[in-house]
Amino acid sequence: MTVTAGIKMDEAHVVEALHEARERLISAGGKVLLDFAAVRSLDPKAVRAMAEFAEMAQHQGVKVVLRDVNVDVYKVLKLVKLAKQFSFVN
């Protein structure tokens, strides 16, 4: 499977980065890698955007991989039952 989008996430711009990744999903399949190294927390708007992104990716058969997710972000994703929709790598 090829990586069709590699997006570096920024805590202040998670929603915007997900919109950019969403545009790439529309035009291509494969795998999307989102680098969360600079993200220490997710606000409710970012969580909502993550849920929408995961749903869109699933409908298009695209695997979403989150890289370098810290424990706090992972806990939020797990709490809102989104963690199982992503793969995680360090």
PDB file of N, CA and C in Angstrom:
ATOM      1  N   MET A   1       0.844  -1.173   0.000  1.00  0.00           N
ATOM      2  CA  MET A   1       0.000   0.000   0.000  1.00  0.00           C
ATOM      3  C   MET A   1       0.892   1.239   0.000  1.00  0.00           C
ATOM      4  N   THR A   2       0.582   2.192  -0.820  1.00  0.00           N
ATOM      5  CA  THR A   2       1.408   3.387  -0.914  1.00  0.00           C
ATOM      6  C   THR A   2       0.863   4.510  -0.044  1.00  0.00           C
ATOM      7  N   VAL A   3       1.758   5.362   0.411  1.00  0.00           N
ATOM      8  CA  VAL A   3       1.342   6.535   1.172  1.00  0.00           C
ATOM      9  C   VAL A   3       0.987   7.615   0.173  1.00  0.00           C
ATOM     10  N   THR A   4      -0.270   8.028   0.169  1.00  0.00           N
ATOM     11  CA  THR A   4      -0.709   9.050  -0.772  1.00  0.00           C
ATOM     12  C   THR A   4      -0.698  10.433  -0.148  1.00  0.00           C
ATOM     13  N   ALA A   5      -0.647  10.493   1.169  1.00  0.00           N
ATOM     14  CA  ALA A   5      -0.596  11.792   1.838  1.00  0.00           C
ATOM     15  C   ALA A   5       0.170  11.638   3.133  1.00  0.00           C
ATOM     16  N   GLY A   6       1.122  12.498   3.328  1.00  0.00           N
ATOM     17  CA  GLY A   6       1.858  12.561   4.575  1.00  0.00           C
ATOM     18  C   GLY A   6       1.702  13.970   5.105  1.00  0.00           C
ATOM     19  N   ILE A   7       1.009  14.125   6.201  1.00  0.00           N
ATOM     20  CA  ILE A   7       0.691  15.450   6.727  1.00  0.00           C
ATOM     21  C   ILE A   7       1.304  15.604   8.110  1.00  0.00           C
ATOM     22  N   LYS A   8       2.052  16.659   8.301  1.00  0.00           N
ATOM     23  CA  LYS A   8       2.617  16.972   9.604  1.00  0.00           C
ATOM     24  C   LYS A   8       1.595  17.828  10.351  1.00  0.00           C
ATOM     25  N   MET A   9       1.155  17.341  11.488  1.00  0.00           N
ATOM     26  CA  MET A   9       0.121  18.024  12.258  1.00  0.00           C
ATOM     27  C   MET A   9       0.754  19.056  13.190  1.00  0.00           C
ATOM     28  N   ASP A  10       0.036  20.130  13.432  1.00  0.00           N
ATOM     29  CA  ASP A  10       0.437  21.199  14.334  1.00  0.00           C
ATOM     30  C   ASP A  10      -0.728  21.396  15.289  1.00  0.00           C
ATOM     31  N   GLU A  11      -0.459  21.391  16.586  1.00  0.00           N
ATOM     32  CA  GLU A  11      -1.539  21.441  17.573  1.00  0.00           C
ATOM     33  C   GLU A  11      -2.525  22.580  17.322  1.00  0.00           C
ATOM     34  N   ALA A  12      -2.042  23.716  16.897  1.00  0.00           N
ATOM     35  CA  ALA A  12      -2.913  24.863  16.670  1.00  0.00           C
ATOM     36  C   ALA A  12      -3.700  24.758  15.367  1.00  0.00           C
ATOM     37  N   HIS A  13      -3.323  23.801  14.512  1.00  0.00           N
ATOM     38  CA  HIS A  13      -3.949  23.708  13.195  1.00  0.00           C
ATOM     39  C   HIS A  13      -4.382  22.293  12.834  1.00  0.00           C
ATOM     40  N   VAL A  14      -4.812  21.525  13.805  1.00  0.00           N
ATOM     41  CA  VAL A  14      -5.228  20.143  13.548  1.00  0.00           C
ATOM     42  C   VAL A  14      -6.386  20.105  12.558  1.00  0.00           C
ATOM     43  N   VAL A  15      -7.391  20.935  12.780  1.00  0.00           N
ATOM     44  CA  VAL A  15      -8.572  20.920  11.914  1.00  0.00           C
ATOM     45  C   VAL A  15      -8.190  21.277  10.480  1.00  0.00           C
ATOM     46  N   GLU A  16      -7.371  22.312  10.318  1.00  0.00           N
ATOM     47  CA  GLU A  16      -6.955  22.726   8.979  1.00  0.00           C
ATOM     48  C   GLU A  16      -6.144  21.627   8.283  1.00  0.00           C
ATOM     49  N   ALA A  17      -5.249  20.983   9.025  1.00  0.00           N
ATOM     50  CA  ALA A  17      -4.447  19.907   8.451  1.00  0.00           C
ATOM     51  C   ALA A  17      -5.324  18.732   8.023  1.00  0.00           C
ATOM     52  N   LEU A  18      -6.368  18.454   8.807  1.00  0.00           N
ATOM     53  CA  LEU A  18      -7.278  17.367   8.441  1.00  0.00           C
ATOM     54  C   LEU A  18      -8.076  17.725   7.191  1.00  0.00           C
ATOM     55  N   HIS A  19      -8.413  18.996   7.028  1.00  0.00           N
ATOM     56  CA  HIS A  19      -9.099  19.418   5.797  1.00  0.00           C
ATOM     57  C   HIS A  19      -8.182  19.215   4.590  1.00  0.00           C
ATOM     58  N   GLU A  20      -6.900  19.531   4.748  1.00  0.00           N
ATOM     59  CA  GLU A  20      -5.932  19.305   3.673  1.00  0.00           C
ATOM     60  C   GLU A  20      -5.836  17.814   3.349  1.00  0.00           C
ATOM     61  N   ALA A  21      -5.754  16.994   4.369  1.00  0.00           N
ATOM     62  CA  ALA A  21      -5.675  15.547   4.169  1.00  0.00           C
ATOM     63  C   ALA A  21      -6.953  15.019   3.528  1.00  0.00           C
ATOM     64  N   ARG A  22      -8.087  15.588   3.902  1.00  0.00           N
ATOM     65  CA  ARG A  22      -9.375  15.171   3.324  1.00  0.00           C
ATOM     66  C   ARG A  22      -9.386  15.436   1.825  1.00  0.00           C
ATOM     67  N   GLU A  23      -8.871  16.582   1.404  1.00  0.00           N
ATOM     68  CA  GLU A  23      -8.805  16.894  -0.023  1.00  0.00           C
ATOM     69  C   GLU A  23      -7.952  15.865  -0.762  1.00  0.00           C
ATOM     70  N   ARG A  24      -6.885  15.424  -0.138  1.00  0.00           N
ATOM     71  CA  ARG A  24      -6.035  14.406  -0.764  1.00  0.00           C
ATOM     72  C   ARG A  24      -6.745  13.054  -0.833  1.00  0.00           C
ATOM     73  N   LEU A  25      -7.584  12.762   0.157  1.00  0.00           N
ATOM     74  CA  LEU A  25      -8.335  11.501   0.154  1.00  0.00           C
ATOM     75  C   LEU A  25      -9.298  11.438  -1.016  1.00  0.00           C
ATOM     76  N   ILE A  26      -9.873  12.569  -1.341  1.00  0.00           N
ATOM     77  CA  ILE A  26     -10.857  12.614  -2.417  1.00  0.00           C
ATOM     78  C   ILE A  26     -10.234  12.170  -3.733  1.00  0.00           C
ATOM     79  N   SER A  27      -8.976  12.543  -3.949  1.00  0.00           N
ATOM     80  CA  SER A  27      -8.350  12.275  -5.240  1.00  0.00           C
ATOM     81  C   SER A  27      -7.525  10.990  -5.288  1.00  0.00           C
ATOM     82  N   ALA A  28      -7.294  10.352  -4.153  1.00  0.00           N
ATOM     83  CA  ALA A  28      -6.415   9.173  -4.185  1.00  0.00           C
ATOM     84  C   ALA A  28      -6.784   8.189  -3.091  1.00  0.00           C
ATOM     85  N   GLY A  29      -6.373   6.961  -3.283  1.00  0.00           N
ATOM     86  CA  GLY A  29      -6.568   5.929  -2.274  1.00  0.00           C
ATOM     87  C   GLY A  29      -5.241   5.633  -1.608  1.00  0.00           C
ATOM     88  N   GLY A  30      -5.138   4.486  -0.960  1.00  0.00           N
ATOM     89  CA  GLY A  30      -3.880   4.094  -0.345  1.00  0.00           C
ATOM     90  C   GLY A  30      -3.877   4.288   1.147  1.00  0.00           C
ATOM     91  N   LYS A  31      -2.833   4.935   1.621  1.00  0.00           N
ATOM     92  CA  LYS A  31      -2.646   5.098   3.057  1.00  0.00           C
ATOM     93  C   LYS A  31      -2.289   6.555   3.340  1.00  0.00           C
ATOM     94  N   VAL A  32      -2.835   7.085   4.412  1.00  0.00           N
ATOM     95  CA  VAL A  32      -2.536   8.451   4.828  1.00  0.00           C
ATOM     96  C   VAL A  32      -1.781   8.383   6.145  1.00  0.00           C
ATOM     97  N   LEU A  33      -0.659   9.083   6.206  1.00  0.00           N
ATOM     98  CA  LEU A  33       0.156   9.144   7.422  1.00  0.00           C
ATOM     99  C   LEU A  33       0.040  10.545   8.000  1.00  0.00           C
ATOM    100  N   LEU A  34      -0.447  10.625   9.236  1.00  0.00           N
ATOM    101  CA  LEU A  34      -0.570  11.906   9.929  1.00  0.00           C
ATOM    102  C   LEU A  34       0.432  11.932  11.076  1.00  0.00           C
ATOM    103  N   ASP A  35       1.352  12.878  11.028  1.00  0.00           N
ATOM    104  CA  ASP A  35       2.405  12.998  12.032  1.00  0.00           C
ATOM    105  C   ASP A  35       1.923  13.891  13.172  1.00  0.00           C
ATOM    106  N   PHE A  36       1.708  13.308  14.338  1.00  0.00           N
ATOM    107  CA  PHE A  36       1.179  14.015  15.496  1.00  0.00           C
ATOM    108  C   PHE A  36       2.261  14.406  16.505  1.00  0.00           C
ATOM    109  N   ALA A  37       3.519  14.395  16.114  1.00  0.00           N
ATOM    110  CA  ALA A  37       4.614  14.674  17.047  1.00  0.00           C
ATOM    111  C   ALA A  37       4.470  16.027  17.740  1.00  0.00           C
ATOM    112  N   ALA A  38       3.925  17.026  17.062  1.00  0.00           N
ATOM    113  CA  ALA A  38       3.808  18.368  17.633  1.00  0.00           C
ATOM    114  C   ALA A  38       2.466  18.613  18.323  1.00  0.00           C
ATOM    115  N   VAL A  39       1.622  17.584  18.407  1.00  0.00           N
ATOM    116  CA  VAL A  39       0.286  17.747  18.999  1.00  0.00           C
ATOM    117  C   VAL A  39       0.274  17.154  20.402  1.00  0.00           C
ATOM    118  N   ARG A  40       0.005  17.979  21.387  1.00  0.00           N
ATOM    119  CA  ARG A  40      -0.017  17.529  22.781  1.00  0.00           C
ATOM    120  C   ARG A  40      -1.433  17.351  23.330  1.00  0.00           C
ATOM    121  N   SER A  41      -2.423  17.947  22.663  1.00  0.00           N
ATOM    122  CA  SER A  41      -3.810  17.802  23.106  1.00  0.00           C
ATOM    123  C   SER A  41      -4.744  18.056  21.930  1.00  0.00           C
ATOM    124  N   LEU A  42      -5.986  17.626  22.077  1.00  0.00           N
ATOM    125  CA  LEU A  42      -7.008  17.834  21.062  1.00  0.00           C
ATOM    126  C   LEU A  42      -8.189  18.557  21.688  1.00  0.00           C
ATOM    127  N   ASP A  43      -8.621  19.636  21.069  1.00  0.00           N
ATOM    128  CA  ASP A  43      -9.823  20.317  21.556  1.00  0.00           C
ATOM    129  C   ASP A  43     -11.042  19.639  20.921  1.00  0.00           C
ATOM    130  N   PRO A  44     -12.249  19.950  21.389  1.00  0.00           N
ATOM    131  CA  PRO A  44     -13.445  19.291  20.851  1.00  0.00           C
ATOM    132  C   PRO A  44     -13.604  19.438  19.334  1.00  0.00           C
ATOM    133  N   LYS A  45     -13.221  20.585  18.807  1.00  0.00           N
ATOM    134  CA  LYS A  45     -13.322  20.802  17.360  1.00  0.00           C
ATOM    135  C   LYS A  45     -12.388  19.853  16.608  1.00  0.00           C
ATOM    136  N   ALA A  46     -11.196  19.650  17.139  1.00  0.00           N
ATOM    137  CA  ALA A  46     -10.243  18.730  16.519  1.00  0.00           C
ATOM    138  C   ALA A  46     -10.734  17.292  16.612  1.00  0.00           C
ATOM    139  N   VAL A  47     -11.324  16.925  17.733  1.00  0.00           N
ATOM    140  CA  VAL A  47     -11.868  15.568  17.898  1.00  0.00           C
ATOM    141  C   VAL A  47     -12.974  15.326  16.871  1.00  0.00           C
ATOM    142  N   ARG A  48     -13.845  16.305  16.692  1.00  0.00           N
ATOM    143  CA  ARG A  48     -14.931  16.195  15.714  1.00  0.00           C
ATOM    144  C   ARG A  48     -14.349  16.037  14.297  1.00  0.00           C
ATOM    145  N   ALA A  49     -13.320  16.816  13.989  1.00  0.00           N
ATOM    146  CA  ALA A  49     -12.678  16.725  12.676  1.00  0.00           C
ATOM    147  C   ALA A  49     -12.022  15.359  12.485  1.00  0.00           C
ATOM    148  N   MET A  50     -11.428  14.817  13.559  1.00  0.00           N
ATOM    149  CA  MET A  50     -10.823  13.483  13.486  1.00  0.00           C
ATOM    150  C   MET A  50     -11.889  12.432  13.191  1.00  0.00           C
ATOM    151  N   ALA A  51     -13.038  12.550  13.837  1.00  0.00           N
ATOM    152  CA  ALA A  51     -14.128  11.593  13.623  1.00  0.00           C
ATOM    153  C   ALA A  51     -14.620  11.656  12.178  1.00  0.00           C
ATOM    154  N   GLU A  52     -14.799  12.858  11.652  1.00  0.00           N
ATOM    155  CA  GLU A  52     -15.254  13.020  10.275  1.00  0.00           C
ATOM    156  C   GLU A  52     -14.213  12.479   9.297  1.00  0.00           C
ATOM    157  N   PHE A  53     -12.948  12.747   9.573  1.00  0.00           N
ATOM    158  CA  PHE A  53     -11.875  12.270   8.708  1.00  0.00           C
ATOM    159  C   PHE A  53     -11.819  10.747   8.702  1.00  0.00           C
ATOM    160  N   ALA A  54     -11.930  10.144   9.877  1.00  0.00           N
ATOM    161  CA  ALA A  54     -11.899   8.679   9.983  1.00  0.00           C
ATOM    162  C   ALA A  54     -13.051   8.052   9.210  1.00  0.00           C
ATOM    163  N   GLU A  55     -14.224   8.655   9.309  1.00  0.00           N
ATOM    164  CA  GLU A  55     -15.392   8.121   8.602  1.00  0.00           C
ATOM    165  C   GLU A  55     -15.196   8.220   7.089  1.00  0.00           C
ATOM    166  N   MET A  56     -14.697   9.359   6.626  1.00  0.00           N
ATOM    167  CA  MET A  56     -14.471   9.534   5.197  1.00  0.00           C
ATOM    168  C   MET A  56     -13.422   8.546   4.682  1.00  0.00           C
ATOM    169  N   ALA A  57     -12.345   8.377   5.440  1.00  0.00           N
ATOM    170  CA  ALA A  57     -11.291   7.449   5.048  1.00  0.00           C
ATOM    171  C   ALA A  57     -11.830   6.026   4.965  1.00  0.00           C
ATOM    172  N   GLN A  58     -12.634   5.652   5.941  1.00  0.00           N
ATOM    173  CA  GLN A  58     -13.207   4.308   5.958  1.00  0.00           C
ATOM    174  C   GLN A  58     -14.084   4.079   4.727  1.00  0.00           C
ATOM    175  N   HIS A  59     -14.894   5.056   4.382  1.00  0.00           N
ATOM    176  CA  HIS A  59     -15.773   4.928   3.214  1.00  0.00           C
ATOM    177  C   HIS A  59     -14.985   4.793   1.917  1.00  0.00           C
ATOM    178  N   GLN A  60     -13.781   5.394   1.884  1.00  0.00           N
ATOM    179  CA  GLN A  60     -12.968   5.328   0.676  1.00  0.00           C
ATOM    180  C   GLN A  60     -11.948   4.186   0.716  1.00  0.00           C
ATOM    181  N   GLY A  61     -11.954   3.426   1.804  1.00  0.00           N
ATOM    182  CA  GLY A  61     -11.047   2.296   1.914  1.00  0.00           C
ATOM    183  C   GLY A  61      -9.592   2.705   2.103  1.00  0.00           C
ATOM    184  N   VAL A  62      -9.385   3.845   2.735  1.00  0.00           N
ATOM    185  CA  VAL A  62      -8.045   4.362   2.959  1.00  0.00           C
ATOM    186  C   VAL A  62      -7.645   4.102   4.405  1.00  0.00           C
ATOM    187  N   LYS A  63      -6.455   3.570   4.590  1.00  0.00           N
ATOM    188  CA  LYS A  63      -5.923   3.318   5.928  1.00  0.00           C
ATOM    189  C   LYS A  63      -5.294   4.610   6.451  1.00  0.00           C
ATOM    190  N   VAL A  64      -5.619   4.976   7.686  1.00  0.00           N
ATOM    191  CA  VAL A  64      -5.056   6.178   8.297  1.00  0.00           C
ATOM    192  C   VAL A  64      -4.125   5.757   9.425  1.00  0.00           C
ATOM    193  N   VAL A  65      -2.874   6.202   9.333  1.00  0.00           N
ATOM    194  CA  VAL A  65      -1.852   5.884  10.320  1.00  0.00           C
ATOM    195  C   VAL A  65      -1.459   7.174  11.034  1.00  0.00           C
ATOM    196  N   LEU A  66      -1.501   7.138  12.365  1.00  0.00           N
ATOM    197  CA  LEU A  66      -1.090   8.283  13.170  1.00  0.00           C
ATOM    198  C   LEU A  66       0.287   7.975  13.745  1.00  0.00           C
ATOM    199  N   ARG A  67       1.235   8.881  13.498  1.00  0.00           N
ATOM    200  CA  ARG A  67       2.600   8.675  13.975  1.00  0.00           C
ATOM    201  C   ARG A  67       2.896   9.615  15.143  1.00  0.00           C
ATOM    202  N   ASP A  68       3.637   9.075  16.119  1.00  0.00           N
ATOM    203  CA  ASP A  68       4.110   9.850  17.277  1.00  0.00           C
ATOM    204  C   ASP A  68       2.982  10.511  18.060  1.00  0.00           C
ATOM    205  N   VAL A  69       1.930   9.755  18.333  1.00  0.00           N
ATOM    206  CA  VAL A  69       0.807  10.254  19.137  1.00  0.00           C
ATOM    207  C   VAL A  69       1.186  10.137  20.608  1.00  0.00           C
ATOM    208  N   ASN A  70       1.069  11.241  21.351  1.00  0.00           N
ATOM    209  CA  ASN A  70       1.410  11.165  22.776  1.00  0.00           C
ATOM    210  C   ASN A  70       0.273  10.520  23.561  1.00  0.00           C
ATOM    211  N   VAL A  71       0.541  10.180  24.791  1.00  0.00           N
ATOM    212  CA  VAL A  71      -0.409   9.441  25.628  1.00  0.00           C
ATOM    213  C   VAL A  71      -1.710  10.211  25.829  1.00  0.00           C
ATOM    214  N   ASP A  72      -1.635  11.519  26.050  1.00  0.00           N
ATOM    215  CA  ASP A  72      -2.854  12.311  26.288  1.00  0.00           C
ATOM    216  C   ASP A  72      -3.767  12.325  25.067  1.00  0.00           C
ATOM    217  N   VAL A  73      -3.198  12.481  23.895  1.00  0.00           N
ATOM    218  CA  VAL A  73      -3.996  12.466  22.670  1.00  0.00           C
ATOM    219  C   VAL A  73      -4.592  11.078  22.464  1.00  0.00           C
ATOM    220  N   TYR A  74      -3.800  10.038  22.691  1.00  0.00           N
ATOM    221  CA  TYR A  74      -4.312   8.673  22.547  1.00  0.00           C
ATOM    222  C   TYR A  74      -5.477   8.423  23.506  1.00  0.00           C
ATOM    223  N   LYS A  75      -5.353   8.893  24.743  1.00  0.00           N
ATOM    224  CA  LYS A  75      -6.429   8.702  25.726  1.00  0.00           C
ATOM    225  C   LYS A  75      -7.720   9.365  25.268  1.00  0.00           C
ATOM    226  N   VAL A  76      -7.605  10.561  24.687  1.00  0.00           N
ATOM    227  CA  VAL A  76      -8.801  11.246  24.178  1.00  0.00           C
ATOM    228  C   VAL A  76      -9.425  10.437  23.049  1.00  0.00           C
ATOM    229  N   LEU A  77      -8.598   9.975  22.112  1.00  0.00           N
ATOM    230  CA  LEU A  77      -9.118   9.178  20.996  1.00  0.00           C
ATOM    231  C   LEU A  77      -9.773   7.893  21.486  1.00  0.00           C
ATOM    232  N   LYS A  78      -9.180   7.286  22.497  1.00  0.00           N
ATOM    233  CA  LYS A  78      -9.754   6.060  23.071  1.00  0.00           C
ATOM    234  C   LYS A  78     -11.070   6.363  23.793  1.00  0.00           C
ATOM    235  N   LEU A  79     -11.102   7.453  24.536  1.00  0.00           N
ATOM    236  CA  LEU A  79     -12.297   7.845  25.291  1.00  0.00           C
ATOM    237  C   LEU A  79     -13.500   8.069  24.374  1.00  0.00           C
ATOM    238  N   VAL A  80     -13.249   8.702  23.225  1.00  0.00           N
ATOM    239  CA  VAL A  80     -14.357   8.982  22.299  1.00  0.00           C
ATOM    240  C   VAL A  80     -14.533   7.865  21.262  1.00  0.00           C
ATOM    241  N   LYS A  81     -13.860   6.737  21.508  1.00  0.00           N
ATOM    242  CA  LYS A  81     -13.978   5.532  20.679  1.00  0.00           C
ATOM    243  C   LYS A  81     -13.521   5.745  19.234  1.00  0.00           C
ATOM    244  N   LEU A  82     -12.472   6.557  19.063  1.00  0.00           N
ATOM    245  CA  LEU A  82     -11.893   6.760  17.739  1.00  0.00           C
ATOM    246  C   LEU A  82     -10.590   5.995  17.546  1.00  0.00           C
ATOM    247  N   ALA A  83      -9.942   5.605  18.619  1.00  0.00           N
ATOM    248  CA  ALA A  83      -8.621   4.974  18.521  1.00  0.00           C
ATOM    249  C   ALA A  83      -8.640   3.744  17.616  1.00  0.00           C
ATOM    250  N   LYS A  84      -9.712   2.985  17.657  1.00  0.00           N
ATOM    251  CA  LYS A  84      -9.766   1.754  16.867  1.00  0.00           C
ATOM    252  C   LYS A  84      -9.892   2.011  15.363  1.00  0.00           C
ATOM    253  N   GLN A  85     -10.165   3.245  14.982  1.00  0.00           N
ATOM    254  CA  GLN A  85     -10.290   3.564  13.559  1.00  0.00           C
ATOM    255  C   GLN A  85      -8.963   3.951  12.907  1.00  0.00           C
ATOM    256  N   PHE A  86      -7.917   4.023  13.724  1.00  0.00           N
ATOM    257  CA  PHE A  86      -6.604   4.403  13.218  1.00  0.00           C
ATOM    258  C   PHE A  86      -5.573   3.339  13.570  1.00  0.00           C
ATOM    259  N   SER A  87      -4.470   3.349  12.834  1.00  0.00           N
ATOM    260  CA  SER A  87      -3.288   2.573  13.194  1.00  0.00           C
ATOM    261  C   SER A  87      -2.300   3.553  13.796  1.00  0.00           C
ATOM    262  N   PHE A  88      -1.430   3.066  14.680  1.00  0.00           N
ATOM    263  CA  PHE A  88      -0.482   3.945  15.353  1.00  0.00           C
ATOM    264  C   PHE A  88       0.934   3.403  15.182  1.00  0.00           C
ATOM    265  N   VAL A  89       1.877   4.309  14.907  1.00  0.00           N
ATOM    266  CA  VAL A  89       3.296   3.963  14.817  1.00  0.00           C
ATOM    267  C   VAL A  89       4.096   5.044  15.539  1.00  0.00           C
ATOM    268  N   ASN A  90       5.296   4.660  15.968  1.00  0.00           N
ATOM    269  CA  ASN A  90       6.178   5.633  16.619  1.00  0.00           C
ATOM    270  C   ASN A  90       7.159   6.204  15.645  1.00  0.00           C
TER     271      ASN A  90
END
